[in-house]
Amino acid sequence: MRTRLFGIGEYRHWQTSRPPPRDSRNIDSQGCLGPLHGYGILLRIQQISGERLEIPQGSFYIALYRIEHTGWLKGEWGESENNRRAKFCQLTPAGSQQLRSETEKWPQMTDVVNAILRATPAQL
């Protein structure tokens, strides 16, 4: 299954032959993201998802901005591997706590979405 996000909370699916990831929910606890610049984070998410999750840059940068302004991300300006000015982001302790909280809620959310998608006309 390939998922492309079109905006916050919006998604569409395409079938692919790739199997689902073994466990991509523990990204932060494994330190896979570390401090990366915005585009690096975007590429890392796509890599971890096996190219099944595509996030448009415009939506992604808006989300990064909002997350930083909630105090869940800390951004510092630096130089990228291409010698360009880039903002490097890392989860704050509050951001790590929020990620753990959201990760714990994820199975409930998938149950809700599955119930909606499997609903028959008689149930509606």
PDB file of N, CA and C in Angstrom:
ATOM      1  N   MET A   1       0.847  -1.168   0.000  1.00  0.00           N
ATOM      2  CA  MET A   1       0.000   0.000   0.000  1.00  0.00           C
ATOM      3  C   MET A   1       0.891   1.228   0.000  1.00  0.00           C
ATOM      4  N   ARG A   2       0.608   2.179  -0.851  1.00  0.00           N
ATOM      5  CA  ARG A   2       1.352   3.434  -0.914  1.00  0.00           C
ATOM      6  C   ARG A   2       0.418   4.555  -0.512  1.00  0.00           C
ATOM      7  N   THR A   3       0.878   5.405   0.364  1.00  0.00           N
ATOM      8  CA  THR A   3       0.051   6.496   0.858  1.00  0.00           C
ATOM      9  C   THR A   3       0.673   7.819   0.471  1.00  0.00           C
ATOM     10  N   ARG A   4      -0.121   8.690  -0.107  1.00  0.00           N
ATOM     11  CA  ARG A   4       0.343  10.040  -0.423  1.00  0.00           C
ATOM     12  C   ARG A   4      -0.517  11.001   0.360  1.00  0.00           C
ATOM     13  N   LEU A   5       0.122  11.816   1.173  1.00  0.00           N
ATOM     14  CA  LEU A   5      -0.606  12.806   1.950  1.00  0.00           C
ATOM     15  C   LEU A   5      -0.805  14.053   1.099  1.00  0.00           C
ATOM     16  N   PHE A   6      -2.029  14.560   1.058  1.00  0.00           N
ATOM     17  CA  PHE A   6      -2.328  15.753   0.290  1.00  0.00           C
ATOM     18  C   PHE A   6      -2.465  16.969   1.178  1.00  0.00           C
ATOM     19  N   GLY A   7      -2.569  16.752   2.438  1.00  0.00           N
ATOM     20  CA  GLY A   7      -2.691  17.819   3.409  1.00  0.00           C
ATOM     21  C   GLY A   7      -2.839  17.163   4.760  1.00  0.00           C
ATOM     22  N   ILE A   8      -2.876  17.941   5.776  1.00  0.00           N
ATOM     23  CA  ILE A   8      -2.979  17.360   7.110  1.00  0.00           C
ATOM     24  C   ILE A   8      -4.295  16.605   7.219  1.00  0.00           C
ATOM     25  N   GLY A   9      -4.200  15.314   7.482  1.00  0.00           N
ATOM     26  CA  GLY A   9      -5.377  14.479   7.661  1.00  0.00           C
ATOM     27  C   GLY A   9      -5.978  13.935   6.380  1.00  0.00           C
ATOM     28  N   GLU A  10      -5.481  14.334   5.226  1.00  0.00           N
ATOM     29  CA  GLU A  10      -6.023  13.839   3.965  1.00  0.00           C
ATOM     30  C   GLU A  10      -5.077  12.790   3.393  1.00  0.00           C
ATOM     31  N   TYR A  11      -5.630  11.740   2.789  1.00  0.00           N
ATOM     32  CA  TYR A  11      -4.768  10.717   2.222  1.00  0.00           C
ATOM     33  C   TYR A  11      -5.469   9.984   1.093  1.00  0.00           C
ATOM     34  N   ARG A  12      -4.676   9.352   0.272  1.00  0.00           N
ATOM     35  CA  ARG A  12      -5.166   8.480  -0.801  1.00  0.00           C
ATOM     36  C   ARG A  12      -4.248   7.279  -0.858  1.00  0.00           C
ATOM     37  N   HIS A  13      -4.761   6.160  -1.293  1.00  0.00           N
ATOM     38  CA  HIS A  13      -3.972   4.931  -1.312  1.00  0.00           C
ATOM     39  C   HIS A  13      -3.771   4.427  -2.740  1.00  0.00           C
ATOM     40  N   TRP A  14      -2.627   3.861  -2.971  1.00  0.00           N
ATOM     41  CA  TRP A  14      -2.337   3.143  -4.196  1.00  0.00           C
ATOM     42  C   TRP A  14      -1.749   1.800  -3.815  1.00  0.00           C
ATOM     43  N   GLN A  15      -2.078   0.760  -4.552  1.00  0.00           N
ATOM     44  CA  GLN A  15      -1.525  -0.564  -4.272  1.00  0.00           C
ATOM     45  C   GLN A  15      -0.107  -0.646  -4.825  1.00  0.00           C
ATOM     46  N   THR A  16       0.779  -1.242  -4.063  1.00  0.00           N
ATOM     47  CA  THR A  16       2.115  -1.557  -4.540  1.00  0.00           C
ATOM     48  C   THR A  16       2.441  -2.950  -4.090  1.00  0.00           C
ATOM     49  N   SER A  17       3.527  -3.486  -4.570  1.00  0.00           N
ATOM     50  CA  SER A  17       3.902  -4.851  -4.222  1.00  0.00           C
ATOM     51  C   SER A  17       4.780  -4.910  -2.979  1.00  0.00           C
ATOM     52  N   ARG A  18       5.097  -3.779  -2.386  1.00  0.00           N
ATOM     53  CA  ARG A  18       5.988  -3.778  -1.231  1.00  0.00           C
ATOM     54  C   ARG A  18       5.253  -4.197   0.036  1.00  0.00           C
ATOM     55  N   PRO A  19       5.908  -4.978   0.902  1.00  0.00           N
ATOM     56  CA  PRO A  19       5.287  -5.345   2.174  1.00  0.00           C
ATOM     57  C   PRO A  19       5.325  -4.170   3.140  1.00  0.00           C
ATOM     58  N   PRO A  20       4.478  -4.159   4.167  1.00  0.00           N
ATOM     59  CA  PRO A  20       4.501  -3.068   5.131  1.00  0.00           C
ATOM     60  C   PRO A  20       5.784  -3.089   5.951  1.00  0.00           C
ATOM     61  N   PRO A  21       6.172  -1.943   6.537  1.00  0.00           N
ATOM     62  CA  PRO A  21       7.391  -1.912   7.342  1.00  0.00           C
ATOM     63  C   PRO A  21       7.234  -2.765   8.592  1.00  0.00           C
ATOM     64  N   ARG A  22       8.351  -3.281   9.088  1.00  0.00           N
ATOM     65  CA  ARG A  22       8.303  -4.127  10.288  1.00  0.00           C
ATOM     66  C   ARG A  22       7.821  -3.325  11.493  1.00  0.00           C
ATOM     67  N   ASP A  23       8.432  -2.206  11.778  1.00  0.00           N
ATOM     68  CA  ASP A  23       7.959  -1.343  12.852  1.00  0.00           C
ATOM     69  C   ASP A  23       8.578   0.025  12.686  1.00  0.00           C
ATOM     70  N   SER A  24       7.852   0.901  12.018  1.00  0.00           N
ATOM     71  CA  SER A  24       8.379   2.240  11.776  1.00  0.00           C
ATOM     72  C   SER A  24       7.866   3.240  12.798  1.00  0.00           C
ATOM     73  N   ARG A  25       7.119   2.764  13.809  1.00  0.00           N
ATOM     74  CA  ARG A  25       6.581   3.690  14.806  1.00  0.00           C
ATOM     75  C   ARG A  25       7.631   4.127  15.809  1.00  0.00           C
ATOM     76  N   ASN A  26       8.715   3.389  15.960  1.00  0.00           N
ATOM     77  CA  ASN A  26       9.721   3.721  16.958  1.00  0.00           C
ATOM     78  C   ASN A  26      10.857   4.533  16.369  1.00  0.00           C
ATOM     79  N   ILE A  27      10.563   5.389  15.426  1.00  0.00           N
ATOM     80  CA  ILE A  27      11.585   6.182  14.759  1.00  0.00           C
ATOM     81  C   ILE A  27      12.390   6.991  15.767  1.00  0.00           C
ATOM     82  N   ASP A  28      11.705   7.706  16.653  1.00  0.00           N
ATOM     83  CA  ASP A  28      12.411   8.560  17.599  1.00  0.00           C
ATOM     84  C   ASP A  28      13.202   7.744  18.610  1.00  0.00           C
ATOM     85  N   SER A  29      12.628   6.666  19.124  1.00  0.00           N
ATOM     86  CA  SER A  29      13.314   5.894  20.153  1.00  0.00           C
ATOM     87  C   SER A  29      14.567   5.226  19.606  1.00  0.00           C
ATOM     88  N   GLN A  30      14.618   4.986  18.304  1.00  0.00           N
ATOM     89  CA  GLN A  30      15.799   4.382  17.697  1.00  0.00           C
ATOM     90  C   GLN A  30      16.795   5.444  17.247  1.00  0.00           C
ATOM     91  N   GLY A  31      16.422   6.709  17.368  1.00  0.00           N
ATOM     92  CA  GLY A  31      17.320   7.783  16.969  1.00  0.00           C
ATOM     93  C   GLY A  31      17.545   7.862  15.472  1.00  0.00           C
ATOM     94  N   CYS A  32      16.606   7.364  14.690  1.00  0.00           N
ATOM     95  CA  CYS A  32      16.784   7.336  13.235  1.00  0.00           C
ATOM     96  C   CYS A  32      16.784   8.725  12.618  1.00  0.00           C
ATOM     97  N   LEU A  33      16.045   9.637  13.216  1.00  0.00           N
ATOM     98  CA  LEU A  33      15.947  10.952  12.595  1.00  0.00           C
ATOM     99  C   LEU A  33      17.055  11.890  13.052  1.00  0.00           C
ATOM    100  N   GLY A  34      17.356  11.929  14.337  1.00  0.00           N
ATOM    101  CA  GLY A  34      18.411  12.804  14.819  1.00  0.00           C
ATOM    102  C   GLY A  34      18.196  14.219  14.311  1.00  0.00           C
ATOM    103  N   PRO A  35      19.201  15.096  14.447  1.00  0.00           N
ATOM    104  CA  PRO A  35      19.029  16.442  13.898  1.00  0.00           C
ATOM    105  C   PRO A  35      19.237  16.420  12.385  1.00  0.00           C
ATOM    106  N   LEU A  36      18.191  16.732  11.653  1.00  0.00           N
ATOM    107  CA  LEU A  36      18.240  16.788  10.191  1.00  0.00           C
ATOM    108  C   LEU A  36      17.575  18.080   9.743  1.00  0.00           C
ATOM    109  N   HIS A  37      17.954  18.546   8.555  1.00  0.00           N
ATOM    110  CA  HIS A  37      17.241  19.699   8.006  1.00  0.00           C
ATOM    111  C   HIS A  37      15.915  19.205   7.426  1.00  0.00           C
ATOM    112  N   GLY A  38      14.998  20.147   7.199  1.00  0.00           N
ATOM    113  CA  GLY A  38      13.647  19.795   6.789  1.00  0.00           C
ATOM    114  C   GLY A  38      13.579  18.817   5.632  1.00  0.00           C
ATOM    115  N   TYR A  39      14.288  19.109   4.552  1.00  0.00           N
ATOM    116  CA  TYR A  39      14.230  18.217   3.390  1.00  0.00           C
ATOM    117  C   TYR A  39      14.837  16.862   3.725  1.00  0.00           C
ATOM    118  N   GLY A  40      15.860  16.838   4.578  1.00  0.00           N
ATOM    119  CA  GLY A  40      16.458  15.575   5.010  1.00  0.00           C
ATOM    120  C   GLY A  40      15.470  14.726   5.796  1.00  0.00           C
ATOM    121  N   ILE A  41      14.662  15.379   6.638  1.00  0.00           N
ATOM    122  CA  ILE A  41      13.633  14.660   7.389  1.00  0.00           C
ATOM    123  C   ILE A  41      12.615  14.069   6.431  1.00  0.00           C
ATOM    124  N   LEU A  42      12.206  14.871   5.459  1.00  0.00           N
ATOM    125  CA  LEU A  42      11.238  14.414   4.459  1.00  0.00           C
ATOM    126  C   LEU A  42      11.767  13.186   3.713  1.00  0.00           C
ATOM    127  N   LEU A  43      13.018  13.241   3.275  1.00  0.00           N
ATOM    128  CA  LEU A  43      13.607  12.099   2.577  1.00  0.00           C
ATOM    129  C   LEU A  43      13.726  10.886   3.486  1.00  0.00           C
ATOM    130  N   ARG A  44      14.070  11.113   4.764  1.00  0.00           N
ATOM    131  CA  ARG A  44      14.218  10.005   5.705  1.00  0.00           C
ATOM    132  C   ARG A  44      12.877   9.329   5.955  1.00  0.00           C
ATOM    133  N   ILE A  45      11.810  10.091   6.068  1.00  0.00           N
ATOM    134  CA  ILE A  45      10.476   9.512   6.242  1.00  0.00           C
ATOM    135  C   ILE A  45      10.127   8.648   5.037  1.00  0.00           C
ATOM    136  N   GLN A  46      10.400   9.146   3.837  1.00  0.00           N
ATOM    137  CA  GLN A  46      10.121   8.363   2.631  1.00  0.00           C
ATOM    138  C   GLN A  46      10.961   7.091   2.605  1.00  0.00           C
ATOM    139  N   GLN A  47      12.220   7.191   3.020  1.00  0.00           N
ATOM    140  CA  GLN A  47      13.098   6.026   3.033  1.00  0.00           C
ATOM    141  C   GLN A  47      12.609   4.989   4.042  1.00  0.00           C
ATOM    142  N   ILE A  48      12.290   5.424   5.264  1.00  0.00           N
ATOM    143  CA  ILE A  48      11.825   4.507   6.302  1.00  0.00           C
ATOM    144  C   ILE A  48      10.535   3.822   5.887  1.00  0.00           C
ATOM    145  N   SER A  49       9.675   4.549   5.184  1.00  0.00           N
ATOM    146  CA  SER A  49       8.394   3.982   4.756  1.00  0.00           C
ATOM    147  C   SER A  49       8.531   3.104   3.523  1.00  0.00           C
ATOM    148  N   GLY A  50       9.733   2.919   3.036  1.00  0.00           N
ATOM    149  CA  GLY A  50       9.908   2.133   1.816  1.00  0.00           C
ATOM    150  C   GLY A  50       9.306   2.813   0.607  1.00  0.00           C
ATOM    151  N   GLU A  51       9.348   4.140   0.585  1.00  0.00           N
ATOM    152  CA  GLU A  51       8.800   4.969  -0.499  1.00  0.00           C
ATOM    153  C   GLU A  51       7.278   4.847  -0.614  1.00  0.00           C
ATOM    154  N   ARG A  52       6.611   4.350   0.430  1.00  0.00           N
ATOM    155  CA  ARG A  52       5.152   4.222   0.390  1.00  0.00           C
ATOM    156  C   ARG A  52       4.451   5.468   0.878  1.00  0.00           C
ATOM    157  N   LEU A  53       5.159   6.348   1.565  1.00  0.00           N
ATOM    158  CA  LEU A  53       4.565   7.570   2.087  1.00  0.00           C
ATOM    159  C   LEU A  53       5.229   8.765   1.412  1.00  0.00           C
ATOM    160  N   GLU A  54       4.426   9.542   0.716  1.00  0.00           N
ATOM    161  CA  GLU A  54       4.920  10.744   0.049  1.00  0.00           C
ATOM    162  C   GLU A  54       4.207  11.945   0.662  1.00  0.00           C
ATOM    163  N   ILE A  55       4.978  12.920   1.093  1.00  0.00           N
ATOM    164  CA  ILE A  55       4.407  14.123   1.701  1.00  0.00           C
ATOM    165  C   ILE A  55       4.828  15.316   0.849  1.00  0.00           C
ATOM    166  N   PRO A  56       3.880  16.070   0.311  1.00  0.00           N
ATOM    167  CA  PRO A  56       4.252  17.261  -0.462  1.00  0.00           C
ATOM    168  C   PRO A  56       5.055  18.230   0.408  1.00  0.00           C
ATOM    169  N   GLN A  57       6.083  18.825  -0.171  1.00  0.00           N
ATOM    170  CA  GLN A  57       6.955  19.719   0.586  1.00  0.00           C
ATOM    171  C   GLN A  57       6.195  20.868   1.235  1.00  0.00           C
ATOM    172  N   GLY A  58       5.249  21.440   0.532  1.00  0.00           N
ATOM    173  CA  GLY A  58       4.492  22.559   1.084  1.00  0.00           C
ATOM    174  C   GLY A  58       3.767  22.178   2.369  1.00  0.00           C
ATOM    175  N   SER A  59       3.093  21.049   2.362  1.00  0.00           N
ATOM    176  CA  SER A  59       2.394  20.574   3.560  1.00  0.00           C
ATOM    177  C   SER A  59       3.382  20.232   4.661  1.00  0.00           C
ATOM    178  N   PHE A  60       4.502  19.639   4.286  1.00  0.00           N
ATOM    179  CA  PHE A  60       5.494  19.211   5.265  1.00  0.00           C
ATOM    180  C   PHE A  60       6.104  20.401   5.999  1.00  0.00           C
ATOM    181  N   TYR A  61       6.497  21.426   5.249  1.00  0.00           N
ATOM    182  CA  TYR A  61       7.129  22.582   5.888  1.00  0.00           C
ATOM    183  C   TYR A  61       6.157  23.355   6.770  1.00  0.00           C
ATOM    184  N   ILE A  62       4.892  23.403   6.390  1.00  0.00           N
ATOM    185  CA  ILE A  62       3.885  24.028   7.245  1.00  0.00           C
ATOM    186  C   ILE A  62       3.765  23.237   8.546  1.00  0.00           C
ATOM    187  N   ALA A  63       3.747  21.914   8.441  1.00  0.00           N
ATOM    188  CA  ALA A  63       3.663  21.074   9.645  1.00  0.00           C
ATOM    189  C   ALA A  63       4.898  21.265  10.526  1.00  0.00           C
ATOM    190  N   LEU A  64       6.092  21.306   9.926  1.00  0.00           N
ATOM    191  CA  LEU A  64       7.309  21.541  10.714  1.00  0.00           C
ATOM    192  C   LEU A  64       7.222  22.874  11.451  1.00  0.00           C
ATOM    193  N   TYR A  65       6.766  23.897  10.771  1.00  0.00           N
ATOM    194  CA  TYR A  65       6.622  25.229  11.377  1.00  0.00           C
ATOM    195  C   TYR A  65       5.688  25.171  12.584  1.00  0.00           C
ATOM    196  N   ARG A  66       4.536  24.526  12.401  1.00  0.00           N
ATOM    197  CA  ARG A  66       3.572  24.432  13.498  1.00  0.00           C
ATOM    198  C   ARG A  66       4.127  23.623  14.663  1.00  0.00           C
ATOM    199  N   ILE A  67       4.798  22.516  14.356  1.00  0.00           N
ATOM    200  CA  ILE A  67       5.359  21.667  15.413  1.00  0.00           C
ATOM    201  C   ILE A  67       6.448  22.418  16.177  1.00  0.00           C
ATOM    202  N   GLU A  68       7.261  23.176  15.461  1.00  0.00           N
ATOM    203  CA  GLU A  68       8.301  23.958  16.128  1.00  0.00           C
ATOM    204  C   GLU A  68       7.686  25.009  17.049  1.00  0.00           C
ATOM    205  N   HIS A  69       6.614  25.637  16.596  1.00  0.00           N
ATOM    206  CA  HIS A  69       5.988  26.692  17.399  1.00  0.00           C
ATOM    207  C   HIS A  69       5.185  26.152  18.580  1.00  0.00           C
ATOM    208  N   THR A  70       4.912  24.863  18.612  1.00  0.00           N
ATOM    209  CA  THR A  70       4.289  24.260  19.797  1.00  0.00           C
ATOM    210  C   THR A  70       5.351  23.893  20.830  1.00  0.00           C
ATOM    211  N   GLY A  71       6.631  23.936  20.422  1.00  0.00           N
ATOM    212  CA  GLY A  71       7.704  23.586  21.341  1.00  0.00           C
ATOM    213  C   GLY A  71       8.118  22.126  21.253  1.00  0.00           C
ATOM    214  N   TRP A  72       7.592  21.401  20.268  1.00  0.00           N
ATOM    215  CA  TRP A  72       7.917  19.980  20.138  1.00  0.00           C
ATOM    216  C   TRP A  72       9.170  19.749  19.302  1.00  0.00           C
ATOM    217  N   LEU A  73       9.579  20.757  18.547  1.00  0.00           N
ATOM    218  CA  LEU A  73      10.787  20.691  17.723  1.00  0.00           C
ATOM    219  C   LEU A  73      11.663  21.881  18.053  1.00  0.00           C
ATOM    220  N   LYS A  74      12.956  21.669  18.014  1.00  0.00           N
ATOM    221  CA  LYS A  74      13.915  22.764  18.175  1.00  0.00           C
ATOM    222  C   LYS A  74      14.650  22.887  16.846  1.00  0.00           C
ATOM    223  N   GLY A  75      14.648  24.079  16.282  1.00  0.00           N
ATOM    224  CA  GLY A  75      15.320  24.308  15.012  1.00  0.00           C
ATOM    225  C   GLY A  75      16.521  25.219  15.179  1.00  0.00           C
ATOM    226  N   GLU A  76      17.605  24.864  14.530  1.00  0.00           N
ATOM    227  CA  GLU A  76      18.808  25.696  14.529  1.00  0.00           C
ATOM    228  C   GLU A  76      19.329  25.804  13.104  1.00  0.00           C
ATOM    229  N   TRP A  77      19.717  27.012  12.733  1.00  0.00           N
ATOM    230  CA  TRP A  77      20.245  27.228  11.389  1.00  0.00           C
ATOM    231  C   TRP A  77      21.681  26.724  11.295  1.00  0.00           C
ATOM    232  N   GLY A  78      21.985  26.109  10.164  1.00  0.00           N
ATOM    233  CA  GLY A  78      23.322  25.604   9.910  1.00  0.00           C
ATOM    234  C   GLY A  78      23.546  25.456   8.422  1.00  0.00           C
ATOM    235  N   GLU A  79      24.564  24.715   8.054  1.00  0.00           N
ATOM    236  CA  GLU A  79      24.905  24.512   6.659  1.00  0.00           C
ATOM    237  C   GLU A  79      24.650  23.058   6.280  1.00  0.00           C
ATOM    238  N   SER A  80      23.940  22.849   5.168  1.00  0.00           N
ATOM    239  CA  SER A  80      23.628  21.495   4.706  1.00  0.00           C
ATOM    240  C   SER A  80      24.844  20.869   4.033  1.00  0.00           C
ATOM    241  N   GLU A  81      24.699  19.619   3.665  1.00  0.00           N
ATOM    242  CA  GLU A  81      25.779  18.918   2.962  1.00  0.00           C
ATOM    243  C   GLU A  81      26.083  19.527   1.598  1.00  0.00           C
ATOM    244  N   ASN A  82      25.143  20.343   1.090  1.00  0.00           N
ATOM    245  CA  ASN A  82      25.334  21.045  -0.181  1.00  0.00           C
ATOM    246  C   ASN A  82      25.855  22.466   0.029  1.00  0.00           C
ATOM    247  N   ASN A  83      26.328  22.756   1.236  1.00  0.00           N
ATOM    248  CA  ASN A  83      26.838  24.083   1.597  1.00  0.00           C
ATOM    249  C   ASN A  83      25.780  25.180   1.467  1.00  0.00           C
ATOM    250  N   ARG A  84      24.538  24.802   1.730  1.00  0.00           N
ATOM    251  CA  ARG A  84      23.447  25.775   1.713  1.00  0.00           C
ATOM    252  C   ARG A  84      22.939  25.975   3.133  1.00  0.00           C
ATOM    253  N   ARG A  85      22.400  27.137   3.366  1.00  0.00           N
ATOM    254  CA  ARG A  85      21.825  27.441   4.667  1.00  0.00           C
ATOM    255  C   ARG A  85      20.570  26.570   4.845  1.00  0.00           C
ATOM    256  N   ALA A  86      20.475  25.894   5.991  1.00  0.00           N
ATOM    257  CA  ALA A  86      19.338  25.014   6.249  1.00  0.00           C
ATOM    258  C   ALA A  86      19.017  25.033   7.734  1.00  0.00           C
ATOM    259  N   LYS A  87      17.771  24.804   8.039  1.00  0.00           N
ATOM    260  CA  LYS A  87      17.350  24.740   9.435  1.00  0.00           C
ATOM    261  C   LYS A  87      17.309  23.269   9.854  1.00  0.00           C
ATOM    262  N   PHE A  88      18.118  22.935  10.848  1.00  0.00           N
ATOM    263  CA  PHE A  88      18.201  21.573  11.354  1.00  0.00           C
ATOM    264  C   PHE A  88      17.263  21.436  12.541  1.00  0.00           C
ATOM    265  N   CYS A  89      16.457  20.392  12.534  1.00  0.00           N
ATOM    266  CA  CYS A  89      15.424  20.194  13.545  1.00  0.00           C
ATOM    267  C   CYS A  89      15.687  18.935  14.355  1.00  0.00           C
ATOM    268  N   GLN A  90      15.291  19.009  15.616  1.00  0.00           N
ATOM    269  CA  GLN A  90      15.381  17.855  16.494  1.00  0.00           C
ATOM    270  C   GLN A  90      14.229  17.922  17.486  1.00  0.00           C
ATOM    271  N   LEU A  91      13.680  16.757  17.840  1.00  0.00           N
ATOM    272  CA  LEU A  91      12.604  16.722  18.819  1.00  0.00           C
ATOM    273  C   LEU A  91      13.093  17.219  20.172  1.00  0.00           C
ATOM    274  N   THR A  92      12.256  18.004  20.825  1.00  0.00           N
ATOM    275  CA  THR A  92      12.530  18.429  22.195  1.00  0.00           C
ATOM    276  C   THR A  92      12.016  17.332  23.132  1.00  0.00           C
ATOM    277  N   PRO A  93      12.341  17.393  24.418  1.00  0.00           N
ATOM    278  CA  PRO A  93      11.749  16.419  25.355  1.00  0.00           C
ATOM    279  C   PRO A  93      10.218  16.421  25.292  1.00  0.00           C
ATOM    280  N   ALA A  94       9.614  17.607  25.169  1.00  0.00           N
ATOM    281  CA  ALA A  94       8.145  17.686  25.040  1.00  0.00           C
ATOM    282  C   ALA A  94       7.683  17.030  23.741  1.00  0.00           C
ATOM    283  N   GLY A  95       8.464  17.185  22.670  1.00  0.00           N
ATOM    284  CA  GLY A  95       8.128  16.562  21.394  1.00  0.00           C
ATOM    285  C   GLY A  95       8.233  15.049  21.471  1.00  0.00           C
ATOM    286  N   SER A  96       9.238  14.557  22.174  1.00  0.00           N
ATOM    287  CA  SER A  96       9.381  13.104  22.354  1.00  0.00           C
ATOM    288  C   SER A  96       8.199  12.545  23.133  1.00  0.00           C
ATOM    289  N   GLN A  97       7.772  13.273  24.160  1.00  0.00           N
ATOM    290  CA  GLN A  97       6.607  12.845  24.943  1.00  0.00           C
ATOM    291  C   GLN A  97       5.356  12.837  24.079  1.00  0.00           C
ATOM    292  N   GLN A  98       5.184  13.875  23.252  1.00  0.00           N
ATOM    293  CA  GLN A  98       4.018  13.944  22.369  1.00  0.00           C
ATOM    294  C   GLN A  98       4.041  12.798  21.367  1.00  0.00           C
ATOM    295  N   LEU A  99       5.214  12.476  20.820  1.00  0.00           N
ATOM    296  CA  LEU A  99       5.333  11.361  19.883  1.00  0.00           C
ATOM    297  C   LEU A  99       4.943  10.056  20.558  1.00  0.00           C
ATOM    298  N   ARG A 100       5.408   9.834  21.792  1.00  0.00           N
ATOM    299  CA  ARG A 100       5.028   8.616  22.523  1.00  0.00           C
ATOM    300  C   ARG A 100       3.519   8.563  22.732  1.00  0.00           C
ATOM    301  N   SER A 101       2.931   9.697  23.100  1.00  0.00           N
ATOM    302  CA  SER A 101       1.491   9.759  23.324  1.00  0.00           C
ATOM    303  C   SER A 101       0.713   9.447  22.044  1.00  0.00           C
ATOM    304  N   GLU A 102       1.117  10.064  20.939  1.00  0.00           N
ATOM    305  CA  GLU A 102       0.445   9.825  19.657  1.00  0.00           C
ATOM    306  C   GLU A 102       0.638   8.386  19.183  1.00  0.00           C
ATOM    307  N   THR A 103       1.814   7.835  19.440  1.00  0.00           N
ATOM    308  CA  THR A 103       2.092   6.444  19.053  1.00  0.00           C
ATOM    309  C   THR A 103       1.177   5.491  19.812  1.00  0.00           C
ATOM    310  N   GLU A 104       0.947   5.776  21.089  1.00  0.00           N
ATOM    311  CA  GLU A 104       0.048   4.939  21.890  1.00  0.00           C
ATOM    312  C   GLU A 104      -1.390   5.013  21.386  1.00  0.00           C
ATOM    313  N   LYS A 105      -1.803   6.169  20.855  1.00  0.00           N
ATOM    314  CA  LYS A 105      -3.165   6.359  20.351  1.00  0.00           C
ATOM    315  C   LYS A 105      -3.361   5.780  18.950  1.00  0.00           C
ATOM    316  N   TRP A 106      -2.270   5.539  18.224  1.00  0.00           N
ATOM    317  CA  TRP A 106      -2.357   5.150  16.817  1.00  0.00           C
ATOM    318  C   TRP A 106      -3.229   3.915  16.577  1.00  0.00           C
ATOM    319  N   PRO A 107      -3.097   2.827  17.369  1.00  0.00           N
ATOM    320  CA  PRO A 107      -3.965   1.666  17.114  1.00  0.00           C
ATOM    321  C   PRO A 107      -5.454   2.004  17.213  1.00  0.00           C
ATOM    322  N   GLN A 108      -5.833   2.878  18.134  1.00  0.00           N
ATOM    323  CA  GLN A 108      -7.230   3.290  18.248  1.00  0.00           C
ATOM    324  C   GLN A 108      -7.678   4.042  17.001  1.00  0.00           C
ATOM    325  N   MET A 109      -6.805   4.910  16.500  1.00  0.00           N
ATOM    326  CA  MET A 109      -7.148   5.684  15.305  1.00  0.00           C
ATOM    327  C   MET A 109      -7.319   4.761  14.099  1.00  0.00           C
ATOM    328  N   THR A 110      -6.431   3.791  13.946  1.00  0.00           N
ATOM    329  CA  THR A 110      -6.559   2.871  12.813  1.00  0.00           C
ATOM    330  C   THR A 110      -7.819   2.026  12.942  1.00  0.00           C
ATOM    331  N   ASP A 111      -8.203   1.674  14.169  1.00  0.00           N
ATOM    332  CA  ASP A 111      -9.453   0.938  14.369  1.00  0.00           C
ATOM    333  C   ASP A 111     -10.644   1.773  13.920  1.00  0.00           C
ATOM    334  N   VAL A 112     -10.642   3.060  14.250  1.00  0.00           N
ATOM    335  CA  VAL A 112     -11.731   3.958  13.858  1.00  0.00           C
ATOM    336  C   VAL A 112     -11.804   4.073  12.337  1.00  0.00           C
ATOM    337  N   VAL A 113     -10.661   4.302  11.698  1.00  0.00           N
ATOM    338  CA  VAL A 113     -10.636   4.432  10.232  1.00  0.00           C
ATOM    339  C   VAL A 113     -11.085   3.131   9.579  1.00  0.00           C
ATOM    340  N   ASN A 114     -10.601   1.990  10.078  1.00  0.00           N
ATOM    341  CA  ASN A 114     -11.027   0.700   9.526  1.00  0.00           C
ATOM    342  C   ASN A 114     -12.523   0.495   9.666  1.00  0.00           C
ATOM    343  N   ALA A 115     -13.095   0.869  10.806  1.00  0.00           N
ATOM    344  CA  ALA A 115     -14.547   0.729  11.007  1.00  0.00           C
ATOM    345  C   ALA A 115     -15.312   1.590  10.003  1.00  0.00           C
ATOM    346  N   ILE A 116     -14.827   2.794   9.749  1.00  0.00           N
ATOM    347  CA  ILE A 116     -15.484   3.684   8.783  1.00  0.00           C
ATOM    348  C   ILE A 116     -15.393   3.098   7.374  1.00  0.00           C
ATOM    349  N   LEU A 117     -14.208   2.633   7.005  1.00  0.00           N
ATOM    350  CA  LEU A 117     -14.019   2.098   5.652  1.00  0.00           C
ATOM    351  C   LEU A 117     -14.773   0.796   5.409  1.00  0.00           C
ATOM    352  N   ARG A 118     -14.994   0.028   6.448  1.00  0.00           N
ATOM    353  CA  ARG A 118     -15.686  -1.259   6.322  1.00  0.00           C
ATOM    354  C   ARG A 118     -17.196  -1.149   6.540  1.00  0.00           C
ATOM    355  N   ALA A 119     -17.683   0.034   6.849  1.00  0.00           N
ATOM    356  CA  ALA A 119     -19.106   0.219   7.114  1.00  0.00           C
ATOM    357  C   ALA A 119     -19.924  -0.083   5.860  1.00  0.00           C
ATOM    358  N   THR A 120     -21.013  -0.754   6.056  1.00  0.00           N
ATOM    359  CA  THR A 120     -21.913  -1.071   4.954  1.00  0.00           C
ATOM    360  C   THR A 120     -23.013  -0.008   4.910  1.00  0.00           C
ATOM    361  N   PRO A 121     -23.729   0.102   3.789  1.00  0.00           N
ATOM    362  CA  PRO A 121     -24.819   1.081   3.721  1.00  0.00           C
ATOM    363  C   PRO A 121     -25.870   0.874   4.824  1.00  0.00           C
ATOM    364  N   ALA A 122     -26.075  -0.359   5.227  1.00  0.00           N
ATOM    365  CA  ALA A 122     -27.045  -0.622   6.277  1.00  0.00           C
ATOM    366  C   ALA A 122     -26.590  -0.056   7.619  1.00  0.00           C
ATOM    367  N   GLN A 123     -25.293   0.002   7.833  1.00  0.00           N
ATOM    368  CA  GLN A 123     -24.766   0.526   9.092  1.00  0.00           C
ATOM    369  C   GLN A 123     -24.792   2.052   9.122  1.00  0.00           C
ATOM    370  N   LEU A 124     -24.848   2.670   7.962  1.00  0.00           N
ATOM    371  CA  LEU A 124     -24.843   4.133   7.881  1.00  0.00           C
ATOM    372  C   LEU A 124     -26.246   4.612   8.087  1.00  0.00           C
TER     373      LEU A 124
END
